[in-house]
Amino acid sequence: MEYRRGINEIKAFYMRQNDDGKTVAAMDMLVPRVGELIGGSQREERLDYLEDRLDDLKLNKESYWWYLDLRRYGSVPHAGFGLGFERLVQFATGIDNIRDTIPFPRAPGSAEF
């Protein structure tokens, strides 16, 4: 399991910055043959840090007014994660190609509508 990821252009602006100013409170669960199975982070609840991060990444604050308002009018420390279902199936079954784990495969031109 990886954690305390570095702050750079790759990490999302909403990941909570650690006290060292160099890493974020994030984790990735890496598994053999598949890679990242789960990725998650604590979300930044401090408005001033969010605004600074948007500036650092040269993102338009006007586009994120609704997200900033969520923090402006009260927030608590919280976190979230995402799990790749197809990757979980691939890991659990040992299937080599992730495309063979997709429950509803689609390809260009395959939809009737």
PDB file of N, CA and C in Angstrom:
ATOM      1  N   MET A   1       0.852  -1.175   0.000  1.00  0.00           N
ATOM      2  CA  MET A   1       0.000   0.000   0.000  1.00  0.00           C
ATOM      3  C   MET A   1       0.897   1.236   0.000  1.00  0.00           C
ATOM      4  N   GLU A   2       0.622   2.150  -0.905  1.00  0.00           N
ATOM      5  CA  GLU A   2       1.347   3.419  -0.959  1.00  0.00           C
ATOM      6  C   GLU A   2       0.515   4.482  -0.267  1.00  0.00           C
ATOM      7  N   TYR A   3       1.179   5.404   0.418  1.00  0.00           N
ATOM      8  CA  TYR A   3       0.463   6.521   1.016  1.00  0.00           C
ATOM      9  C   TYR A   3       1.386   7.714   1.117  1.00  0.00           C
ATOM     10  N   ARG A   4       0.807   8.858   1.491  1.00  0.00           N
ATOM     11  CA  ARG A   4       1.538  10.131   1.577  1.00  0.00           C
ATOM     12  C   ARG A   4       2.160  10.487   0.233  1.00  0.00           C
ATOM     13  N   ARG A   5       1.336  10.597  -0.767  1.00  0.00           N
ATOM     14  CA  ARG A   5       1.790  10.900  -2.120  1.00  0.00           C
ATOM     15  C   ARG A   5       2.236  12.354  -2.218  1.00  0.00           C
ATOM     16  N   GLY A   6       3.160  12.636  -3.150  1.00  0.00           N
ATOM     17  CA  GLY A   6       3.686  13.981  -3.346  1.00  0.00           C
ATOM     18  C   GLY A   6       2.685  14.918  -4.004  1.00  0.00           C
ATOM     19  N   ILE A   7       2.812  16.208  -3.683  1.00  0.00           N
ATOM     20  CA  ILE A   7       1.957  17.223  -4.295  1.00  0.00           C
ATOM     21  C   ILE A   7       2.601  17.643  -5.608  1.00  0.00           C
ATOM     22  N   ASN A   8       1.863  17.539  -6.666  1.00  0.00           N
ATOM     23  CA  ASN A   8       2.315  18.016  -7.969  1.00  0.00           C
ATOM     24  C   ASN A   8       1.102  18.171  -8.866  1.00  0.00           C
ATOM     25  N   GLU A   9       1.346  18.406 -10.130  1.00  0.00           N
ATOM     26  CA  GLU A   9       0.245  18.632 -11.061  1.00  0.00           C
ATOM     27  C   GLU A   9      -0.613  17.390 -11.264  1.00  0.00           C
ATOM     28  N   ILE A  10      -0.119  16.224 -10.879  1.00  0.00           N
ATOM     29  CA  ILE A  10      -0.866  14.984 -11.081  1.00  0.00           C
ATOM     30  C   ILE A  10      -1.950  14.815 -10.019  1.00  0.00           C
ATOM     31  N   LYS A  11      -1.699  15.251  -8.803  1.00  0.00           N
ATOM     32  CA  LYS A  11      -2.664  15.053  -7.721  1.00  0.00           C
ATOM     33  C   LYS A  11      -3.777  16.092  -7.805  1.00  0.00           C
ATOM     34  N   ALA A  12      -4.982  15.654  -7.502  1.00  0.00           N
ATOM     35  CA  ALA A  12      -6.156  16.532  -7.587  1.00  0.00           C
ATOM     36  C   ALA A  12      -6.091  17.642  -6.536  1.00  0.00           C
ATOM     37  N   PHE A  13      -6.663  18.785  -6.867  1.00  0.00           N
ATOM     38  CA  PHE A  13      -6.604  19.944  -5.975  1.00  0.00           C
ATOM     39  C   PHE A  13      -7.323  19.699  -4.657  1.00  0.00           C
ATOM     40  N   TYR A  14      -8.270  18.782  -4.627  1.00  0.00           N
ATOM     41  CA  TYR A  14      -9.082  18.569  -3.426  1.00  0.00           C
ATOM     42  C   TYR A  14      -8.463  17.586  -2.434  1.00  0.00           C
ATOM     43  N   MET A  15      -7.291  17.022  -2.740  1.00  0.00           N
ATOM     44  CA  MET A  15      -6.626  16.126  -1.795  1.00  0.00           C
ATOM     45  C   MET A  15      -5.988  16.946  -0.676  1.00  0.00           C
ATOM     46  N   ARG A  16      -6.170  16.497   0.564  1.00  0.00           N
ATOM     47  CA  ARG A  16      -5.701  17.263   1.724  1.00  0.00           C
ATOM     48  C   ARG A  16      -4.184  17.269   1.811  1.00  0.00           C
ATOM     49  N   GLN A  17      -3.644  18.473   1.929  1.00  0.00           N
ATOM     50  CA  GLN A  17      -2.201  18.649   2.046  1.00  0.00           C
ATOM     51  C   GLN A  17      -1.764  18.302   3.460  1.00  0.00           C
ATOM     52  N   ASN A  18      -0.679  17.512   3.571  1.00  0.00           N
ATOM     53  CA  ASN A  18      -0.117  17.180   4.877  1.00  0.00           C
ATOM     54  C   ASN A  18       0.669  18.369   5.425  1.00  0.00           C
ATOM     55  N   ASP A  19       0.999  18.301   6.706  1.00  0.00           N
ATOM     56  CA  ASP A  19       1.701  19.396   7.376  1.00  0.00           C
ATOM     57  C   ASP A  19       3.079  19.677   6.780  1.00  0.00           C
ATOM     58  N   ASP A  20       3.696  18.685   6.135  1.00  0.00           N
ATOM     59  CA  ASP A  20       5.028  18.905   5.560  1.00  0.00           C
ATOM     60  C   ASP A  20       4.985  19.758   4.290  1.00  0.00           C
ATOM     61  N   GLY A  21       3.790  19.991   3.739  1.00  0.00           N
ATOM     62  CA  GLY A  21       3.653  20.810   2.546  1.00  0.00           C
ATOM     63  C   GLY A  21       4.154  20.150   1.273  1.00  0.00           C
ATOM     64  N   LYS A  22       4.564  18.897   1.371  1.00  0.00           N
ATOM     65  CA  LYS A  22       5.126  18.195   0.215  1.00  0.00           C
ATOM     66  C   LYS A  22       4.299  16.991  -0.216  1.00  0.00           C
ATOM     67  N   THR A  23       3.459  16.505   0.678  1.00  0.00           N
ATOM     68  CA  THR A  23       2.676  15.308   0.376  1.00  0.00           C
ATOM     69  C   THR A  23       1.203  15.559   0.666  1.00  0.00           C
ATOM     70  N   VAL A  24       0.376  14.664   0.154  1.00  0.00           N
ATOM     71  CA  VAL A  24      -1.058  14.728   0.423  1.00  0.00           C
ATOM     72  C   VAL A  24      -1.481  13.459   1.147  1.00  0.00           C
ATOM     73  N   ALA A  25      -2.616  13.528   1.837  1.00  0.00           N
ATOM     74  CA  ALA A  25      -3.153  12.377   2.557  1.00  0.00           C
ATOM     75  C   ALA A  25      -3.904  11.495   1.563  1.00  0.00           C
ATOM     76  N   ALA A  26      -3.142  10.655   0.873  1.00  0.00           N
ATOM     77  CA  ALA A  26      -3.715   9.802  -0.166  1.00  0.00           C
ATOM     78  C   ALA A  26      -3.093   8.416  -0.094  1.00  0.00           C
ATOM     79  N   MET A  27      -3.787   7.455  -0.702  1.00  0.00           N
ATOM     80  CA  MET A  27      -3.266   6.092  -0.725  1.00  0.00           C
ATOM     81  C   MET A  27      -3.673   5.407  -2.015  1.00  0.00           C
ATOM     82  N   ASP A  28      -2.875   4.438  -2.412  1.00  0.00           N
ATOM     83  CA  ASP A  28      -3.189   3.560  -3.529  1.00  0.00           C
ATOM     84  C   ASP A  28      -2.934   2.135  -3.069  1.00  0.00           C
ATOM     85  N   MET A  29      -3.867   1.238  -3.356  1.00  0.00           N
ATOM     86  CA  MET A  29      -3.651  -0.178  -3.069  1.00  0.00           C
ATOM     87  C   MET A  29      -3.226  -0.841  -4.375  1.00  0.00           C
ATOM     88  N   LEU A  30      -1.980  -1.307  -4.391  1.00  0.00           N
ATOM     89  CA  LEU A  30      -1.417  -1.943  -5.579  1.00  0.00           C
ATOM     90  C   LEU A  30      -1.406  -3.448  -5.380  1.00  0.00           C
ATOM     91  N   VAL A  31      -1.835  -4.190  -6.402  1.00  0.00           N
ATOM     92  CA  VAL A  31      -1.862  -5.647  -6.315  1.00  0.00           C
ATOM     93  C   VAL A  31      -1.071  -6.235  -7.487  1.00  0.00           C
ATOM     94  N   PRO A  32      -0.529  -7.444  -7.298  1.00  0.00           N
ATOM     95  CA  PRO A  32       0.264  -8.070  -8.361  1.00  0.00           C
ATOM     96  C   PRO A  32      -0.542  -8.288  -9.643  1.00  0.00           C
ATOM     97  N   ARG A  33       0.122  -8.147 -10.777  1.00  0.00           N
ATOM     98  CA  ARG A  33      -0.412  -8.387 -12.120  1.00  0.00           C
ATOM     99  C   ARG A  33      -1.469  -7.383 -12.558  1.00  0.00           C
ATOM    100  N   VAL A  34      -1.981  -6.567 -11.667  1.00  0.00           N
ATOM    101  CA  VAL A  34      -3.065  -5.648 -12.011  1.00  0.00           C
ATOM    102  C   VAL A  34      -2.612  -4.203 -11.887  1.00  0.00           C
ATOM    103  N   GLY A  35      -1.936  -3.881 -10.804  1.00  0.00           N
ATOM    104  CA  GLY A  35      -1.545  -2.500 -10.524  1.00  0.00           C
ATOM    105  C   GLY A  35      -2.466  -1.900  -9.480  1.00  0.00           C
ATOM    106  N   GLU A  36      -2.888  -0.667  -9.708  1.00  0.00           N
ATOM    107  CA  GLU A  36      -3.734   0.023  -8.734  1.00  0.00           C
ATOM    108  C   GLU A  36      -5.134  -0.576  -8.730  1.00  0.00           C
ATOM    109  N   LEU A  37      -5.562  -1.031  -7.559  1.00  0.00           N
ATOM    110  CA  LEU A  37      -6.903  -1.581  -7.383  1.00  0.00           C
ATOM    111  C   LEU A  37      -7.818  -0.551  -6.733  1.00  0.00           C
ATOM    112  N   ILE A  38      -7.281   0.161  -5.741  1.00  0.00           N
ATOM    113  CA  ILE A  38      -8.045   1.178  -5.016  1.00  0.00           C
ATOM    114  C   ILE A  38      -7.193   2.438  -4.920  1.00  0.00           C
ATOM    115  N   GLY A  39      -7.814   3.583  -5.098  1.00  0.00           N
ATOM    116  CA  GLY A  39      -7.158   4.866  -4.891  1.00  0.00           C
ATOM    117  C   GLY A  39      -8.058   5.740  -4.039  1.00  0.00           C
ATOM    118  N   GLY A  40      -7.481   6.422  -3.072  1.00  0.00           N
ATOM    119  CA  GLY A  40      -8.307   7.258  -2.209  1.00  0.00           C
ATOM    120  C   GLY A  40      -7.508   8.370  -1.573  1.00  0.00           C
ATOM    121  N   SER A  41      -8.234   9.305  -0.980  1.00  0.00           N
ATOM    122  CA  SER A  41      -7.568  10.404  -0.287  1.00  0.00           C
ATOM    123  C   SER A  41      -8.517  11.059   0.697  1.00  0.00           C
ATOM    124  N   GLN A  42      -7.897  11.731   1.666  1.00  0.00           N
ATOM    125  CA  GLN A  42      -8.667  12.622   2.525  1.00  0.00           C
ATOM    126  C   GLN A  42      -8.898  13.886   1.720  1.00  0.00           C
ATOM    127  N   ARG A  43     -10.078  14.462   1.828  1.00  0.00           N
ATOM    128  CA  ARG A  43     -10.413  15.665   1.069  1.00  0.00           C
ATOM    129  C   ARG A  43     -10.025  16.903   1.871  1.00  0.00           C
ATOM    130  N   GLU A  44      -9.623  17.933   1.167  1.00  0.00           N
ATOM    131  CA  GLU A  44      -9.215  19.188   1.810  1.00  0.00           C
ATOM    132  C   GLU A  44     -10.448  19.924   2.298  1.00  0.00           C
ATOM    133  N   GLU A  45     -10.516  20.170   3.601  1.00  0.00           N
ATOM    134  CA  GLU A  45     -11.669  20.893   4.157  1.00  0.00           C
ATOM    135  C   GLU A  45     -11.347  22.358   4.447  1.00  0.00           C
ATOM    136  N   ARG A  46     -10.071  22.748   4.308  1.00  0.00           N
ATOM    137  CA  ARG A  46      -9.647  24.118   4.610  1.00  0.00           C
ATOM    138  C   ARG A  46      -9.741  24.976   3.350  1.00  0.00           C
ATOM    139  N   LEU A  47     -10.618  25.964   3.386  1.00  0.00           N
ATOM    140  CA  LEU A  47     -10.906  26.797   2.221  1.00  0.00           C
ATOM    141  C   LEU A  47      -9.660  27.494   1.680  1.00  0.00           C
ATOM    142  N   ASP A  48      -8.834  28.062   2.558  1.00  0.00           N
ATOM    143  CA  ASP A  48      -7.656  28.789   2.087  1.00  0.00           C
ATOM    144  C   ASP A  48      -6.678  27.872   1.351  1.00  0.00           C
ATOM    145  N   TYR A  49      -6.535  26.641   1.804  1.00  0.00           N
ATOM    146  CA  TYR A  49      -5.664  25.688   1.118  1.00  0.00           C
ATOM    147  C   TYR A  49      -6.233  25.331  -0.256  1.00  0.00           C
ATOM    148  N   LEU A  50      -7.548  25.161  -0.333  1.00  0.00           N
ATOM    149  CA  LEU A  50      -8.186  24.863  -1.616  1.00  0.00           C
ATOM    150  C   LEU A  50      -7.965  25.989  -2.616  1.00  0.00           C
ATOM    151  N   GLU A  51      -8.168  27.207  -2.171  1.00  0.00           N
ATOM    152  CA  GLU A  51      -7.989  28.359  -3.063  1.00  0.00           C
ATOM    153  C   GLU A  51      -6.541  28.478  -3.529  1.00  0.00           C
ATOM    154  N   ASP A  52      -5.598  28.267  -2.614  1.00  0.00           N
ATOM    155  CA  ASP A  52      -4.177  28.309  -2.985  1.00  0.00           C
ATOM    156  C   ASP A  52      -3.843  27.217  -3.999  1.00  0.00           C
ATOM    157  N   ARG A  53      -4.409  26.048  -3.802  1.00  0.00           N
ATOM    158  CA  ARG A  53      -4.142  24.922  -4.704  1.00  0.00           C
ATOM    159  C   ARG A  53      -4.705  25.192  -6.101  1.00  0.00           C
ATOM    160  N   LEU A  54      -5.892  25.781  -6.164  1.00  0.00           N
ATOM    161  CA  LEU A  54      -6.466  26.151  -7.461  1.00  0.00           C
ATOM    162  C   LEU A  54      -5.570  27.163  -8.175  1.00  0.00           C
ATOM    163  N   ASP A  55      -5.036  28.117  -7.410  1.00  0.00           N
ATOM    164  CA  ASP A  55      -4.107  29.100  -7.984  1.00  0.00           C
ATOM    165  C   ASP A  55      -2.839  28.417  -8.498  1.00  0.00           C
ATOM    166  N   ASP A  56      -2.280  27.511  -7.682  1.00  0.00           N
ATOM    167  CA  ASP A  56      -1.056  26.803  -8.075  1.00  0.00           C
ATOM    168  C   ASP A  56      -1.237  26.049  -9.388  1.00  0.00           C
ATOM    169  N   LEU A  57      -2.416  25.473  -9.572  1.00  0.00           N
ATOM    170  CA  LEU A  57      -2.691  24.682 -10.776  1.00  0.00           C
ATOM    171  C   LEU A  57      -3.259  25.520 -11.914  1.00  0.00           C
ATOM    172  N   LYS A  58      -3.370  26.843 -11.660  1.00  0.00           N
ATOM    173  CA  LYS A  58      -3.909  27.777 -12.659  1.00  0.00           C
ATOM    174  C   LYS A  58      -5.308  27.378 -13.128  1.00  0.00           C
ATOM    175  N   LEU A  59      -6.131  26.950 -12.151  1.00  0.00           N
ATOM    176  CA  LEU A  59      -7.522  26.612 -12.441  1.00  0.00           C
ATOM    177  C   LEU A  59      -8.399  27.814 -12.134  1.00  0.00           C
ATOM    178  N   ASN A  60      -9.440  28.004 -12.898  1.00  0.00           N
ATOM    179  CA  ASN A  60     -10.349  29.132 -12.735  1.00  0.00           C
ATOM    180  C   ASN A  60     -11.252  28.913 -11.516  1.00  0.00           C
ATOM    181  N   LYS A  61     -11.099  29.753 -10.495  1.00  0.00           N
ATOM    182  CA  LYS A  61     -11.906  29.607  -9.275  1.00  0.00           C
ATOM    183  C   LYS A  61     -13.395  29.761  -9.548  1.00  0.00           C
ATOM    184  N   GLU A  62     -13.741  30.573 -10.544  1.00  0.00           N
ATOM    185  CA  GLU A  62     -15.156  30.766 -10.885  1.00  0.00           C
ATOM    186  C   GLU A  62     -15.811  29.443 -11.283  1.00  0.00           C
ATOM    187  N   SER A  63     -15.057  28.575 -11.913  1.00  0.00           N
ATOM    188  CA  SER A  63     -15.593  27.278 -12.332  1.00  0.00           C
ATOM    189  C   SER A  63     -15.853  26.358 -11.146  1.00  0.00           C
ATOM    190  N   TYR A  64     -15.202  26.637 -10.018  1.00  0.00           N
ATOM    191  CA  TYR A  64     -15.320  25.784  -8.833  1.00  0.00           C
ATOM    192  C   TYR A  64     -16.049  26.482  -7.688  1.00  0.00           C
ATOM    193  N   TRP A  65     -16.835  27.510  -7.998  1.00  0.00           N
ATOM    194  CA  TRP A  65     -17.528  28.283  -6.960  1.00  0.00           C
ATOM    195  C   TRP A  65     -18.371  27.383  -6.067  1.00  0.00           C
ATOM    196  N   TRP A  66     -19.063  26.434  -6.673  1.00  0.00           N
ATOM    197  CA  TRP A  66     -19.960  25.550  -5.923  1.00  0.00           C
ATOM    198  C   TRP A  66     -19.175  24.660  -4.958  1.00  0.00           C
ATOM    199  N   TYR A  67     -17.980  24.209  -5.369  1.00  0.00           N
ATOM    200  CA  TYR A  67     -17.159  23.362  -4.515  1.00  0.00           C
ATOM    201  C   TYR A  67     -16.578  24.181  -3.364  1.00  0.00           C
ATOM    202  N   LEU A  68     -16.121  25.381  -3.679  1.00  0.00           N
ATOM    203  CA  LEU A  68     -15.582  26.258  -2.639  1.00  0.00           C
ATOM    204  C   LEU A  68     -16.663  26.644  -1.638  1.00  0.00           C
ATOM    205  N   ASP A  69     -17.896  26.852  -2.111  1.00  0.00           N
ATOM    206  CA  ASP A  69     -19.000  27.178  -1.194  1.00  0.00           C
ATOM    207  C   ASP A  69     -19.284  26.043  -0.219  1.00  0.00           C
ATOM    208  N   LEU A  70     -19.082  24.805  -0.637  1.00  0.00           N
ATOM    209  CA  LEU A  70     -19.268  23.673   0.274  1.00  0.00           C
ATOM    210  C   LEU A  70     -18.342  23.796   1.477  1.00  0.00           C
ATOM    211  N   ARG A  71     -17.144  24.313   1.245  1.00  0.00           N
ATOM    212  CA  ARG A  71     -16.174  24.490   2.335  1.00  0.00           C
ATOM    213  C   ARG A  71     -16.379  25.828   3.052  1.00  0.00           C
ATOM    214  N   ARG A  72     -16.795  26.818   2.319  1.00  0.00           N
ATOM    215  CA  ARG A  72     -16.986  28.156   2.880  1.00  0.00           C
ATOM    216  C   ARG A  72     -18.055  28.145   3.975  1.00  0.00           C
ATOM    217  N   TYR A  73     -19.087  27.364   3.798  1.00  0.00           N
ATOM    218  CA  TYR A  73     -20.215  27.366   4.733  1.00  0.00           C
ATOM    219  C   TYR A  73     -20.214  26.164   5.667  1.00  0.00           C
ATOM    220  N   GLY A  74     -19.046  25.578   5.855  1.00  0.00           N
ATOM    221  CA  GLY A  74     -18.911  24.527   6.851  1.00  0.00           C
ATOM    222  C   GLY A  74     -18.574  23.179   6.256  1.00  0.00           C
ATOM    223  N   SER A  75     -17.562  22.565   6.813  1.00  0.00           N
ATOM    224  CA  SER A  75     -17.142  21.249   6.353  1.00  0.00           C
ATOM    225  C   SER A  75     -16.438  20.544   7.498  1.00  0.00           C
ATOM    226  N   VAL A  76     -16.325  19.255   7.377  1.00  0.00           N
ATOM    227  CA  VAL A  76     -15.621  18.452   8.374  1.00  0.00           C
ATOM    228  C   VAL A  76     -14.599  17.589   7.640  1.00  0.00           C
ATOM    229  N   PRO A  77     -13.575  17.125   8.340  1.00  0.00           N
ATOM    230  CA  PRO A  77     -12.630  16.214   7.693  1.00  0.00           C
ATOM    231  C   PRO A  77     -13.358  14.964   7.181  1.00  0.00           C
ATOM    232  N   HIS A  78     -13.082  14.605   5.944  1.00  0.00           N
ATOM    233  CA  HIS A  78     -13.707  13.428   5.344  1.00  0.00           C
ATOM    234  C   HIS A  78     -12.800  12.887   4.243  1.00  0.00           C
ATOM    235  N   ALA A  79     -13.083  11.676   3.807  1.00  0.00           N
ATOM    236  CA  ALA A  79     -12.246  11.029   2.800  1.00  0.00           C
ATOM    237  C   ALA A  79     -13.116  10.235   1.832  1.00  0.00           C
ATOM    238  N   GLY A  80     -12.492   9.781   0.764  1.00  0.00           N
ATOM    239  CA  GLY A  80     -13.198   8.963  -0.210  1.00  0.00           C
ATOM    240  C   GLY A  80     -12.220   8.077  -0.959  1.00  0.00           C
ATOM    241  N   PHE A  81     -12.779   7.089  -1.661  1.00  0.00           N
ATOM    242  CA  PHE A  81     -11.936   6.195  -2.445  1.00  0.00           C
ATOM    243  C   PHE A  81     -12.722   5.651  -3.625  1.00  0.00           C
ATOM    244  N   GLY A  82     -12.002   5.112  -4.566  1.00  0.00           N
ATOM    245  CA  GLY A  82     -12.619   4.454  -5.713  1.00  0.00           C
ATOM    246  C   GLY A  82     -11.975   3.097  -5.922  1.00  0.00           C
ATOM    247  N   LEU A  83     -12.796   2.110  -6.238  1.00  0.00           N
ATOM    248  CA  LEU A  83     -12.318   0.757  -6.483  1.00  0.00           C
ATOM    249  C   LEU A  83     -12.650   0.393  -7.921  1.00  0.00           C
ATOM    250  N   GLY A  84     -11.672  -0.097  -8.652  1.00  0.00           N
ATOM    251  CA  GLY A  84     -11.908  -0.536 -10.026  1.00  0.00           C
ATOM    252  C   GLY A  84     -12.495  -1.935 -10.023  1.00  0.00           C
ATOM    253  N   PHE A  85     -13.799  -2.047 -10.333  1.00  0.00           N
ATOM    254  CA  PHE A  85     -14.469  -3.345 -10.248  1.00  0.00           C
ATOM    255  C   PHE A  85     -13.848  -4.361 -11.209  1.00  0.00           C
ATOM    256  N   GLU A  86     -13.596  -3.943 -12.444  1.00  0.00           N
ATOM    257  CA  GLU A  86     -12.991  -4.864 -13.407  1.00  0.00           C
ATOM    258  C   GLU A  86     -11.605  -5.306 -12.944  1.00  0.00           C
ATOM    259  N   ARG A  87     -10.876  -4.406 -12.327  1.00  0.00           N
ATOM    260  CA  ARG A  87      -9.551  -4.767 -11.806  1.00  0.00           C
ATOM    261  C   ARG A  87      -9.667  -5.758 -10.652  1.00  0.00           C
ATOM    262  N   LEU A  88     -10.694  -5.591  -9.812  1.00  0.00           N
ATOM    263  CA  LEU A  88     -10.927  -6.541  -8.722  1.00  0.00           C
ATOM    264  C   LEU A  88     -11.236  -7.925  -9.288  1.00  0.00           C
ATOM    265  N   VAL A  89     -12.100  -7.981 -10.294  1.00  0.00           N
ATOM    266  CA  VAL A  89     -12.433  -9.261 -10.933  1.00  0.00           C
ATOM    267  C   VAL A  89     -11.185  -9.875 -11.555  1.00  0.00           C
ATOM    268  N   GLN A  90     -10.378  -9.060 -12.226  1.00  0.00           N
ATOM    269  CA  GLN A  90      -9.146  -9.550 -12.839  1.00  0.00           C
ATOM    270  C   GLN A  90      -8.212 -10.138 -11.785  1.00  0.00           C
ATOM    271  N   PHE A  91      -8.056  -9.441 -10.662  1.00  0.00           N
ATOM    272  CA  PHE A  91      -7.174  -9.911  -9.594  1.00  0.00           C
ATOM    273  C   PHE A  91      -7.711 -11.191  -8.959  1.00  0.00           C
ATOM    274  N   ALA A  92      -9.013 -11.231  -8.668  1.00  0.00           N
ATOM    275  CA  ALA A  92      -9.614 -12.376  -7.980  1.00  0.00           C
ATOM    276  C   ALA A  92      -9.632 -13.637  -8.849  1.00  0.00           C
ATOM    277  N   THR A  93      -9.787 -13.467 -10.154  1.00  0.00           N
ATOM    278  CA  THR A  93      -9.907 -14.629 -11.042  1.00  0.00           C
ATOM    279  C   THR A  93      -8.611 -15.009 -11.729  1.00  0.00           C
ATOM    280  N   GLY A  94      -7.657 -14.090 -11.773  1.00  0.00           N
ATOM    281  CA  GLY A  94      -6.403 -14.364 -12.457  1.00  0.00           C
ATOM    282  C   GLY A  94      -6.482 -14.191 -13.965  1.00  0.00           C
ATOM    283  N   ILE A  95      -7.556 -13.593 -14.456  1.00  0.00           N
ATOM    284  CA  ILE A  95      -7.703 -13.337 -15.890  1.00  0.00           C
ATOM    285  C   ILE A  95      -6.583 -12.400 -16.341  1.00  0.00           C
ATOM    286  N   ASP A  96      -5.973 -12.719 -17.478  1.00  0.00           N
ATOM    287  CA  ASP A  96      -4.828 -11.942 -17.955  1.00  0.00           C
ATOM    288  C   ASP A  96      -5.207 -10.584 -18.530  1.00  0.00           C
ATOM    289  N   ASN A  97      -6.258 -10.528 -19.321  1.00  0.00           N
ATOM    290  CA  ASN A  97      -6.624  -9.299 -20.020  1.00  0.00           C
ATOM    291  C   ASN A  97      -7.850  -8.671 -19.366  1.00  0.00           C
ATOM    292  N   ILE A  98      -7.717  -7.423 -18.934  1.00  0.00           N
ATOM    293  CA  ILE A  98      -8.815  -6.748 -18.238  1.00  0.00           C
ATOM    294  C   ILE A  98     -10.052  -6.623 -19.123  1.00  0.00           C
ATOM    295  N   ARG A  99      -9.872  -6.614 -20.423  1.00  0.00           N
ATOM    296  CA  ARG A  99     -11.027  -6.523 -21.329  1.00  0.00           C
ATOM    297  C   ARG A  99     -11.955  -7.728 -21.190  1.00  0.00           C
ATOM    298  N   ASP A 100     -11.420  -8.842 -20.725  1.00  0.00           N
ATOM    299  CA  ASP A 100     -12.241 -10.041 -20.533  1.00  0.00           C
ATOM    300  C   ASP A 100     -13.064  -9.984 -19.251  1.00  0.00           C
ATOM    301  N   THR A 101     -12.891  -8.944 -18.454  1.00  0.00           N
ATOM    302  CA  THR A 101     -13.645  -8.811 -17.196  1.00  0.00           C
ATOM    303  C   THR A 101     -14.783  -7.806 -17.296  1.00  0.00           C
ATOM    304  N   ILE A 102     -14.897  -7.118 -18.411  1.00  0.00           N
ATOM    305  CA  ILE A 102     -15.913  -6.069 -18.564  1.00  0.00           C
ATOM    306  C   ILE A 102     -17.288  -6.710 -18.713  1.00  0.00           C
ATOM    307  N   PRO A 103     -18.244  -6.395 -17.815  1.00  0.00           N
ATOM    308  CA  PRO A 103     -19.556  -7.057 -17.870  1.00  0.00           C
ATOM    309  C   PRO A 103     -20.386  -6.674 -19.095  1.00  0.00           C
ATOM    310  N   PHE A 104     -20.256  -5.457 -19.573  1.00  0.00           N
ATOM    311  CA  PHE A 104     -21.010  -4.996 -20.733  1.00  0.00           C
ATOM    312  C   PHE A 104     -20.037  -4.354 -21.720  1.00  0.00           C
ATOM    313  N   PRO A 105     -19.302  -5.174 -22.477  1.00  0.00           N
ATOM    314  CA  PRO A 105     -18.305  -4.610 -23.392  1.00  0.00           C
ATOM    315  C   PRO A 105     -18.944  -3.738 -24.467  1.00  0.00           C
ATOM    316  N   ARG A 106     -18.208  -2.749 -24.887  1.00  0.00           N
ATOM    317  CA  ARG A 106     -18.677  -1.895 -25.971  1.00  0.00           C
ATOM    318  C   ARG A 106     -17.487  -1.561 -26.864  1.00  0.00           C
ATOM    319  N   ALA A 107     -17.792  -1.354 -28.107  1.00  0.00           N
ATOM    320  CA  ALA A 107     -16.766  -1.022 -29.087  1.00  0.00           C
ATOM    321  C   ALA A 107     -17.370  -0.042 -30.078  1.00  0.00           C
ATOM    322  N   PRO A 108     -16.539   0.749 -30.738  1.00  0.00           N
ATOM    323  CA  PRO A 108     -17.076   1.695 -31.725  1.00  0.00           C
ATOM    324  C   PRO A 108     -17.939   0.969 -32.762  1.00  0.00           C
ATOM    325  N   GLY A 109     -19.141   1.498 -32.978  1.00  0.00           N
ATOM    326  CA  GLY A 109     -20.046   0.933 -33.967  1.00  0.00           C
ATOM    327  C   GLY A 109     -20.861  -0.252 -33.490  1.00  0.00           C
ATOM    328  N   SER A 110     -20.736  -0.636 -32.213  1.00  0.00           N
ATOM    329  CA  SER A 110     -21.455  -1.817 -31.727  1.00  0.00           C
ATOM    330  C   SER A 110     -22.836  -1.504 -31.157  1.00  0.00           C
ATOM    331  N   ALA A 111     -23.144  -0.236 -30.921  1.00  0.00           N
ATOM    332  CA  ALA A 111     -24.448   0.131 -30.360  1.00  0.00           C
ATOM    333  C   ALA A 111     -25.482   0.258 -31.473  1.00  0.00           C
ATOM    334  N   GLU A 112     -26.676  -0.224 -31.228  1.00  0.00           N
ATOM    335  CA  GLU A 112     -27.737  -0.166 -32.232  1.00  0.00           C
ATOM    336  C   GLU A 112     -28.308   1.238 -32.385  1.00  0.00           C
ATOM    337  N   PHE A 113     -28.176   2.080 -31.392  1.00  0.00           N
ATOM    338  CA  PHE A 113     -28.811   3.400 -31.425  1.00  0.00           C
ATOM    339  C   PHE A 113     -27.818   4.482 -31.736  1.00  0.00           C
TER     340      PHE A 113
END
